[in-house]
Protein backbone atom coordinates (compact mmCIF):
# COMPACT_ATOMS: atom_id res chain seq x y z
CA UNK A 1 0.00 0.00 0.00
CA UNK A 2 1.32 3.46 -0.93
CA UNK A 3 1.38 6.10 1.75
CA UNK A 4 0.58 9.72 0.95
CA UNK A 5 1.09 12.94 2.84
CA UNK A 6 -0.56 16.16 1.67
CA UNK A 7 -0.38 19.64 3.09
CA UNK A 8 -0.96 23.27 2.10
CA UNK A 9 1.96 25.67 2.06
CA UNK A 10 1.65 29.40 1.52
CA UNK A 11 3.50 32.61 2.10
CA UNK A 12 3.66 36.21 1.02
CA UNK A 13 7.06 35.82 -0.63
CA UNK A 14 9.30 32.98 -1.75
CA UNK A 15 12.41 32.79 -3.89
CA UNK A 16 13.50 29.53 -5.52
CA UNK A 17 16.75 30.49 -7.24
CA UNK A 18 17.49 28.93 -10.58
CA UNK A 19 20.58 26.74 -10.22
CA UNK A 20 22.47 28.32 -13.10
CA UNK A 21 22.42 31.83 -11.57
CA UNK A 22 24.48 33.38 -8.82
CA UNK A 23 23.28 36.92 -8.22
CA UNK A 24 20.37 37.05 -10.63
CA UNK A 25 16.83 37.50 -9.31
CA UNK A 26 15.54 34.70 -11.56
CA UNK A 27 13.23 32.41 -9.62
CA UNK A 28 11.02 29.41 -10.23
CA UNK A 29 7.29 30.12 -9.91
CA UNK A 30 6.75 26.99 -7.82
CA UNK A 31 9.12 25.23 -5.42
CA UNK A 32 11.36 22.73 -7.24
CA UNK A 33 11.66 19.14 -6.05
CA UNK A 34 14.82 19.84 -4.04
CA UNK A 35 13.10 22.66 -2.15
CA UNK A 36 10.13 20.44 -1.29
CA UNK A 37 12.52 17.68 -0.15
CA UNK A 38 14.39 20.17 2.01
CA UNK A 39 11.17 21.43 3.56
CA UNK A 40 10.00 17.90 4.39
CA UNK A 41 13.43 17.04 5.79
CA UNK A 42 13.38 20.10 8.03
CA UNK A 43 9.93 19.19 9.33
CA UNK A 44 10.96 15.65 10.29
CA UNK A 45 14.43 16.67 11.51
CA UNK A 46 16.78 15.17 8.92
CA UNK A 47 20.28 16.59 8.51
CA UNK A 48 20.73 18.83 5.47
CA UNK A 49 23.72 16.82 4.29
CA UNK A 50 21.89 13.49 4.17
CA UNK A 51 18.21 14.17 3.50
CA UNK A 52 18.42 13.62 -0.27
CA UNK A 53 19.29 9.97 0.46
CA UNK A 54 15.74 9.57 1.81
CA UNK A 55 14.00 11.43 -1.03
CA UNK A 56 15.42 9.78 -4.15
CA UNK A 57 13.20 9.48 -7.23
CA UNK A 58 12.62 5.77 -6.56
CA UNK A 59 11.78 6.28 -2.87
CA UNK A 60 9.59 9.38 -2.99
CA UNK A 61 7.14 10.66 -5.57
CA UNK A 62 6.58 14.37 -5.06
CA UNK A 63 3.98 16.58 -6.68
CA UNK A 64 3.06 20.24 -6.35
CA UNK A 65 -0.34 21.74 -7.11
CA UNK A 66 -1.04 25.46 -7.24
CA UNK A 67 -4.14 26.45 -5.28
CA UNK A 68 -4.04 30.13 -6.27
CA UNK A 69 -2.43 32.36 -8.86
CA UNK A 70 1.28 33.11 -8.66
CA UNK A 71 2.00 36.82 -8.21
CA UNK A 72 5.45 38.11 -9.11
CA UNK A 73 7.02 41.30 -7.77
CA UNK A 74 10.09 43.10 -9.01
CA UNK A 75 12.59 44.43 -6.48
CA UNK A 76 15.50 46.63 -7.43
PDB file of N, CA and C in Angstrom:
ATOM      1  N   UNK A   1       0.846  -1.178   0.000  1.00  0.00           N
ATOM      2  CA  UNK A   1       0.000   0.000   0.000  1.00  0.00           C
ATOM      3  C   UNK A   1       0.893   1.244   0.000  1.00  0.00           C
ATOM      4  N   UNK A   2       0.590   2.203  -0.899  1.00  0.00           N
ATOM      5  CA  UNK A   2       1.320   3.459  -0.932  1.00  0.00           C
ATOM      6  C   UNK A   2       0.816   4.381   0.161  1.00  0.00           C
ATOM      7  N   UNK A   3       1.738   5.119   0.732  1.00  0.00           N
ATOM      8  CA  UNK A   3       1.378   6.101   1.753  1.00  0.00           C
ATOM      9  C   UNK A   3       1.527   7.487   1.152  1.00  0.00           C
ATOM     10  N   UNK A   4       0.609   8.371   1.506  1.00  0.00           N
ATOM     11  CA  UNK A   4       0.578   9.721   0.947  1.00  0.00           C
ATOM     12  C   UNK A   4       0.498  10.723   2.079  1.00  0.00           C
ATOM     13  N   UNK A   5       1.227  11.817   1.921  1.00  0.00           N
ATOM     14  CA  UNK A   5       1.092  12.944   2.837  1.00  0.00           C
ATOM     15  C   UNK A   5       0.780  14.160   1.973  1.00  0.00           C
ATOM     16  N   UNK A   6      -0.168  14.958   2.403  1.00  0.00           N
ATOM     17  CA  UNK A   6      -0.556  16.159   1.666  1.00  0.00           C
ATOM     18  C   UNK A   6      -0.679  17.311   2.647  1.00  0.00           C
ATOM     19  N   UNK A   7      -0.262  18.471   2.236  1.00  0.00           N
ATOM     20  CA  UNK A   7      -0.383  19.641   3.089  1.00  0.00           C
ATOM     21  C   UNK A   7      -0.409  20.894   2.220  1.00  0.00           C
ATOM     22  N   UNK A   8      -0.927  21.969   2.778  1.00  0.00           N
ATOM     23  CA  UNK A   8      -0.957  23.267   2.099  1.00  0.00           C
ATOM     24  C   UNK A   8       0.209  24.099   2.628  1.00  0.00           C
ATOM     25  N   UNK A   9       0.830  24.809   1.727  1.00  0.00           N
ATOM     26  CA  UNK A   9       1.957  25.669   2.065  1.00  0.00           C
ATOM     27  C   UNK A   9       1.723  27.007   1.387  1.00  0.00           C
ATOM     28  N   UNK A  10       1.860  28.093   2.129  1.00  0.00           N
ATOM     29  CA  UNK A  10       1.652  29.396   1.523  1.00  0.00           C
ATOM     30  C   UNK A  10       2.548  30.417   2.207  1.00  0.00           C
ATOM     31  N   UNK A  11       2.715  31.524   1.550  1.00  0.00           N
ATOM     32  CA  UNK A  11       3.501  32.614   2.099  1.00  0.00           C
ATOM     33  C   UNK A  11       3.369  33.841   1.225  1.00  0.00           C
ATOM     34  N   UNK A  12       3.730  34.973   1.788  1.00  0.00           N
ATOM     35  CA  UNK A  12       3.658  36.207   1.024  1.00  0.00           C
ATOM     36  C   UNK A  12       4.751  36.270  -0.037  1.00  0.00           C
ATOM     37  N   UNK A  13       5.942  35.780   0.299  1.00  0.00           N
ATOM     38  CA  UNK A  13       7.062  35.815  -0.629  1.00  0.00           C
ATOM     39  C   UNK A  13       7.849  34.520  -0.562  1.00  0.00           C
ATOM     40  N   UNK A  14       8.402  34.137  -1.690  1.00  0.00           N
ATOM     41  CA  UNK A  14       9.302  32.982  -1.746  1.00  0.00           C
ATOM     42  C   UNK A  14      10.237  33.190  -2.926  1.00  0.00           C
ATOM     43  N   UNK A  15      11.439  32.678  -2.799  1.00  0.00           N
ATOM     44  CA  UNK A  15      12.409  32.787  -3.889  1.00  0.00           C
ATOM     45  C   UNK A  15      13.087  31.438  -4.051  1.00  0.00           C
ATOM     46  N   UNK A  16      12.898  30.823  -5.201  1.00  0.00           N
ATOM     47  CA  UNK A  16      13.505  29.532  -5.517  1.00  0.00           C
ATOM     48  C   UNK A  16      14.486  29.772  -6.665  1.00  0.00           C
ATOM     49  N   UNK A  17      15.711  30.087  -6.291  1.00  0.00           N
ATOM     50  CA  UNK A  17      16.749  30.495  -7.236  1.00  0.00           C
ATOM     51  C   UNK A  17      17.007  29.424  -8.280  1.00  0.00           C
ATOM     52  N   UNK A  18      17.131  29.866  -9.512  1.00  0.00           N
ATOM     53  CA  UNK A  18      17.487  28.932 -10.581  1.00  0.00           C
ATOM     54  C   UNK A  18      18.951  28.546 -10.414  1.00  0.00           C
ATOM     55  N   UNK A  19      19.256  27.271 -10.559  1.00  0.00           N
ATOM     56  CA  UNK A  19      20.576  26.743 -10.216  1.00  0.00           C
ATOM     57  C   UNK A  19      21.701  27.317 -11.059  1.00  0.00           C
ATOM     58  N   UNK A  20      21.415  27.825 -12.227  1.00  0.00           N
ATOM     59  CA  UNK A  20      22.468  28.321 -13.100  1.00  0.00           C
ATOM     60  C   UNK A  20      22.755  29.809 -12.887  1.00  0.00           C
ATOM     61  N   UNK A  21      22.164  30.418 -11.857  1.00  0.00           N
ATOM     62  CA  UNK A  21      22.416  31.826 -11.572  1.00  0.00           C
ATOM     63  C   UNK A  21      23.170  31.966 -10.262  1.00  0.00           C
ATOM     64  N   UNK A  22      23.801  33.105 -10.086  1.00  0.00           N
ATOM     65  CA  UNK A  22      24.482  33.380  -8.818  1.00  0.00           C
ATOM     66  C   UNK A  22      23.881  34.603  -8.140  1.00  0.00           C
ATOM     67  N   UNK A  23      23.824  35.706  -8.829  1.00  0.00           N
ATOM     68  CA  UNK A  23      23.280  36.920  -8.222  1.00  0.00           C
ATOM     69  C   UNK A  23      22.033  37.414  -8.929  1.00  0.00           C
ATOM     70  N   UNK A  24      21.538  36.651  -9.864  1.00  0.00           N
ATOM     71  CA  UNK A  24      20.366  37.046 -10.626  1.00  0.00           C
ATOM     72  C   UNK A  24      19.093  36.829  -9.812  1.00  0.00           C
ATOM     73  N   UNK A  25      18.100  37.684 -10.018  1.00  0.00           N
ATOM     74  CA  UNK A  25      16.826  37.497  -9.309  1.00  0.00           C
ATOM     75  C   UNK A  25      15.898  36.477  -9.970  1.00  0.00           C
ATOM     76  N   UNK A  26      16.396  35.700 -10.921  1.00  0.00           N
ATOM     77  CA  UNK A  26      15.537  34.702 -11.564  1.00  0.00           C
ATOM     78  C   UNK A  26      15.068  33.672 -10.537  1.00  0.00           C
ATOM     79  N   UNK A  27      13.805  33.341 -10.590  1.00  0.00           N
ATOM     80  CA  UNK A  27      13.227  32.411  -9.623  1.00  0.00           C
ATOM     81  C   UNK A  27      12.223  31.496 -10.302  1.00  0.00           C
ATOM     82  N   UNK A  28      12.081  30.300  -9.778  1.00  0.00           N
ATOM     83  CA  UNK A  28      11.017  29.406 -10.231  1.00  0.00           C
ATOM     84  C   UNK A  28       9.693  29.907  -9.664  1.00  0.00           C
ATOM     85  N   UNK A  29       8.611  29.694 -10.379  1.00  0.00           N
ATOM     86  CA  UNK A  29       7.290  30.122  -9.907  1.00  0.00           C
ATOM     87  C   UNK A  29       6.723  29.187  -8.848  1.00  0.00           C
ATOM     88  N   UNK A  30       7.169  27.953  -8.847  1.00  0.00           N
ATOM     89  CA  UNK A  30       6.755  26.986  -7.824  1.00  0.00           C
ATOM     90  C   UNK A  30       8.012  26.371  -7.223  1.00  0.00           C
ATOM     91  N   UNK A  31       7.922  25.831  -6.019  1.00  0.00           N
ATOM     92  CA  UNK A  31       9.125  25.229  -5.422  1.00  0.00           C
ATOM     93  C   UNK A  31       9.573  23.995  -6.204  1.00  0.00           C
ATOM     94  N   UNK A  32      10.853  23.925  -6.553  1.00  0.00           N
ATOM     95  CA  UNK A  32      11.355  22.733  -7.237  1.00  0.00           C
ATOM     96  C   UNK A  32      11.428  21.537  -6.280  1.00  0.00           C
ATOM     97  N   UNK A  33      11.626  20.380  -6.836  1.00  0.00           N
ATOM     98  CA  UNK A  33      11.663  19.141  -6.049  1.00  0.00           C
ATOM     99  C   UNK A  33      12.642  19.229  -4.874  1.00  0.00           C
ATOM    100  N   UNK A  34      13.829  19.771  -5.116  1.00  0.00           N
ATOM    101  CA  UNK A  34      14.821  19.836  -4.038  1.00  0.00           C
ATOM    102  C   UNK A  34      14.353  20.723  -2.887  1.00  0.00           C
ATOM    103  N   UNK A  35      13.623  21.796  -3.198  1.00  0.00           N
ATOM    104  CA  UNK A  35      13.104  22.665  -2.147  1.00  0.00           C
ATOM    105  C   UNK A  35      12.034  21.943  -1.330  1.00  0.00           C
ATOM    106  N   UNK A  36      11.170  21.201  -2.004  1.00  0.00           N
ATOM    107  CA  UNK A  36      10.132  20.439  -1.292  1.00  0.00           C
ATOM    108  C   UNK A  36      10.784  19.367  -0.416  1.00  0.00           C
ATOM    109  N   UNK A  37      11.795  18.686  -0.946  1.00  0.00           N
ATOM    110  CA  UNK A  37      12.516  17.676  -0.153  1.00  0.00           C
ATOM    111  C   UNK A  37      13.157  18.314   1.073  1.00  0.00           C
ATOM    112  N   UNK A  38      13.768  19.470   0.893  1.00  0.00           N
ATOM    113  CA  UNK A  38      14.391  20.170   2.014  1.00  0.00           C
ATOM    114  C   UNK A  38      13.388  20.592   3.063  1.00  0.00           C
ATOM    115  N   UNK A  39      12.224  21.046   2.631  1.00  0.00           N
ATOM    116  CA  UNK A  39      11.171  21.429   3.558  1.00  0.00           C
ATOM    117  C   UNK A  39      10.690  20.226   4.369  1.00  0.00           C
ATOM    118  N   UNK A  40      10.429  19.119   3.683  1.00  0.00           N
ATOM    119  CA  UNK A  40      10.002  17.902   4.385  1.00  0.00           C
ATOM    120  C   UNK A  40      11.078  17.417   5.348  1.00  0.00           C
ATOM    121  N   UNK A  41      12.328  17.472   4.929  1.00  0.00           N
ATOM    122  CA  UNK A  41      13.432  17.036   5.787  1.00  0.00           C
ATOM    123  C   UNK A  41      13.525  17.907   7.035  1.00  0.00           C
ATOM    124  N   UNK A  42      13.338  19.205   6.879  1.00  0.00           N
ATOM    125  CA  UNK A  42      13.381  20.103   8.035  1.00  0.00           C
ATOM    126  C   UNK A  42      12.249  19.809   9.008  1.00  0.00           C
ATOM    127  N   UNK A  43      11.085  19.492   8.474  1.00  0.00           N
ATOM    128  CA  UNK A  43       9.934  19.193   9.333  1.00  0.00           C
ATOM    129  C   UNK A  43      10.180  17.939  10.165  1.00  0.00           C
ATOM    130  N   UNK A  44      10.768  16.907   9.556  1.00  0.00           N
ATOM    131  CA  UNK A  44      10.964  15.653  10.292  1.00  0.00           C
ATOM    132  C   UNK A  44      12.340  15.563  10.959  1.00  0.00           C
ATOM    133  N   UNK A  45      13.177  16.598  10.777  1.00  0.00           N
ATOM    134  CA  UNK A  45      14.432  16.669  11.513  1.00  0.00           C
ATOM    135  C   UNK A  45      15.617  15.951  10.893  1.00  0.00           C
ATOM    136  N   UNK A  46      15.634  15.796   9.567  1.00  0.00           N
ATOM    137  CA  UNK A  46      16.784  15.169   8.919  1.00  0.00           C
ATOM    138  C   UNK A  46      17.891  16.193   8.708  1.00  0.00           C
ATOM    139  N   UNK A  47      19.118  15.731   8.729  1.00  0.00           N
ATOM    140  CA  UNK A  47      20.277  16.588   8.507  1.00  0.00           C
ATOM    141  C   UNK A  47      20.316  17.057   7.058  1.00  0.00           C
ATOM    142  N   UNK A  48      20.739  18.301   6.835  1.00  0.00           N
ATOM    143  CA  UNK A  48      20.734  18.833   5.472  1.00  0.00           C
ATOM    144  C   UNK A  48      21.768  18.189   4.564  1.00  0.00           C
ATOM    145  N   UNK A  49      22.713  17.483   5.110  1.00  0.00           N
ATOM    146  CA  UNK A  49      23.716  16.819   4.292  1.00  0.00           C
ATOM    147  C   UNK A  49      23.310  15.408   3.878  1.00  0.00           C
ATOM    148  N   UNK A  50      22.273  14.868   4.478  1.00  0.00           N
ATOM    149  CA  UNK A  50      21.886  13.486   4.170  1.00  0.00           C
ATOM    150  C   UNK A  50      20.447  13.304   3.711  1.00  0.00           C
ATOM    151  N   UNK A  51      19.643  14.360   3.757  1.00  0.00           N
ATOM    152  CA  UNK A  51      18.214  14.168   3.505  1.00  0.00           C
ATOM    153  C   UNK A  51      17.899  13.707   2.093  1.00  0.00           C
ATOM    154  N   UNK A  52      18.717  14.057   1.100  1.00  0.00           N
ATOM    155  CA  UNK A  52      18.418  13.621  -0.266  1.00  0.00           C
ATOM    156  C   UNK A  52      18.541  12.104  -0.424  1.00  0.00           C
ATOM    157  N   UNK A  53      19.242  11.437   0.491  1.00  0.00           N
ATOM    158  CA  UNK A  53      19.290   9.970   0.460  1.00  0.00           C
ATOM    159  C   UNK A  53      17.919   9.362   0.732  1.00  0.00           C
ATOM    160  N   UNK A  54      17.071  10.081   1.459  1.00  0.00           N
ATOM    161  CA  UNK A  54      15.744   9.574   1.809  1.00  0.00           C
ATOM    162  C   UNK A  54      14.685   9.963   0.777  1.00  0.00           C
ATOM    163  N   UNK A  55      14.990  10.921  -0.080  1.00  0.00           N
ATOM    164  CA  UNK A  55      14.005  11.428  -1.031  1.00  0.00           C
ATOM    165  C   UNK A  55      14.451  11.216  -2.479  1.00  0.00           C
ATOM    166  N   UNK A  56      15.021  10.074  -2.770  1.00  0.00           N
ATOM    167  CA  UNK A  56      15.422   9.784  -4.150  1.00  0.00           C
ATOM    168  C   UNK A  56      14.168   9.589  -5.009  1.00  0.00           C
ATOM    169  N   UNK A  57      14.339   9.641  -6.317  1.00  0.00           N
ATOM    170  CA  UNK A  57      13.197   9.479  -7.226  1.00  0.00           C
ATOM    171  C   UNK A  57      12.490   8.141  -7.030  1.00  0.00           C
ATOM    172  N   UNK A  58      13.253   7.083  -6.710  1.00  0.00           N
ATOM    173  CA  UNK A  58      12.621   5.768  -6.556  1.00  0.00           C
ATOM    174  C   UNK A  58      11.934   5.607  -5.206  1.00  0.00           C
ATOM    175  N   UNK A  59      12.344   6.415  -4.213  1.00  0.00           N
ATOM    176  CA  UNK A  59      11.779   6.276  -2.865  1.00  0.00           C
ATOM    177  C   UNK A  59      10.640   7.251  -2.573  1.00  0.00           C
ATOM    178  N   UNK A  60      10.591   8.356  -3.302  1.00  0.00           N
ATOM    179  CA  UNK A  60       9.586   9.379  -2.987  1.00  0.00           C
ATOM    180  C   UNK A  60       9.069  10.039  -4.258  1.00  0.00           C
ATOM    181  N   UNK A  61       7.787   9.927  -4.482  1.00  0.00           N
ATOM    182  CA  UNK A  61       7.142  10.658  -5.569  1.00  0.00           C
ATOM    183  C   UNK A  61       6.597  11.952  -4.988  1.00  0.00           C
ATOM    184  N   UNK A  62       6.955  13.064  -5.608  1.00  0.00           N
ATOM    185  CA  UNK A  62       6.580  14.367  -5.061  1.00  0.00           C
ATOM    186  C   UNK A  62       5.861  15.157  -6.134  1.00  0.00           C
ATOM    187  N   UNK A  63       4.743  15.744  -5.771  1.00  0.00           N
ATOM    188  CA  UNK A  63       3.978  16.579  -6.683  1.00  0.00           C
ATOM    189  C   UNK A  63       3.613  17.891  -6.023  1.00  0.00           C
ATOM    190  N   UNK A  64       3.442  18.914  -6.842  1.00  0.00           N
ATOM    191  CA  UNK A  64       3.061  20.241  -6.355  1.00  0.00           C
ATOM    192  C   UNK A  64       1.849  20.690  -7.155  1.00  0.00           C
ATOM    193  N   UNK A  65       0.850  21.219  -6.464  1.00  0.00           N
ATOM    194  CA  UNK A  65      -0.340  21.739  -7.111  1.00  0.00           C
ATOM    195  C   UNK A  65      -0.549  23.173  -6.651  1.00  0.00           C
ATOM    196  N   UNK A  66      -0.743  24.076  -7.586  1.00  0.00           N
ATOM    197  CA  UNK A  66      -1.038  25.463  -7.235  1.00  0.00           C
ATOM    198  C   UNK A  66      -2.508  25.594  -6.860  1.00  0.00           C
ATOM    199  N   UNK A  67      -2.765  26.240  -5.731  1.00  0.00           N
ATOM    200  CA  UNK A  67      -4.138  26.454  -5.281  1.00  0.00           C
ATOM    201  C   UNK A  67      -4.611  27.873  -5.552  1.00  0.00           C
ATOM    202  N   UNK A  68      -3.686  28.759  -5.914  1.00  0.00           N
ATOM    203  CA  UNK A  68      -4.037  30.128  -6.271  1.00  0.00           C
ATOM    204  C   UNK A  68      -3.026  30.644  -7.286  1.00  0.00           C
ATOM    205  N   UNK A  69      -3.313  31.781  -7.855  1.00  0.00           N
ATOM    206  CA  UNK A  69      -2.431  32.358  -8.863  1.00  0.00           C
ATOM    207  C   UNK A  69      -1.081  32.752  -8.254  1.00  0.00           C
ATOM    208  N   UNK A  70      -0.050  32.670  -9.066  1.00  0.00           N
ATOM    209  CA  UNK A  70       1.282  33.111  -8.662  1.00  0.00           C
ATOM    210  C   UNK A  70       1.404  34.595  -8.999  1.00  0.00           C
ATOM    211  N   UNK A  71       1.787  35.384  -7.996  1.00  0.00           N
ATOM    212  CA  UNK A  71       2.001  36.823  -8.208  1.00  0.00           C
ATOM    213  C   UNK A  71       3.491  37.071  -8.141  1.00  0.00           C
ATOM    214  N   UNK A  72       4.026  37.797  -9.107  1.00  0.00           N
ATOM    215  CA  UNK A  72       5.449  38.107  -9.114  1.00  0.00           C
ATOM    216  C   UNK A  72       5.644  39.594  -8.862  1.00  0.00           C
ATOM    217  N   UNK A  73       6.655  39.918  -8.072  1.00  0.00           N
ATOM    218  CA  UNK A  73       7.018  41.300  -7.773  1.00  0.00           C
ATOM    219  C   UNK A  73       8.443  41.533  -8.199  1.00  0.00           C
ATOM    220  N   UNK A  74       8.728  42.736  -8.662  1.00  0.00           N
ATOM    221  CA  UNK A  74      10.090  43.104  -9.012  1.00  0.00           C
ATOM    222  C   UNK A  74      10.678  43.982  -7.919  1.00  0.00           C
ATOM    223  N   UNK A  75      11.874  43.648  -7.472  1.00  0.00           N
ATOM    224  CA  UNK A  75      12.588  44.431  -6.481  1.00  0.00           C
ATOM    225  C   UNK A  75      13.885  44.905  -7.099  1.00  0.00           C
ATOM    226  N   UNK A  76      14.243  46.141  -6.879  1.00  0.00           N
ATOM    227  CA  UNK A  76      15.505  46.628  -7.434  1.00  0.00           C
ATOM    228  C   UNK A  76      16.589  46.653  -6.379  1.00  0.00           C
TER     229      UNK A  76
END
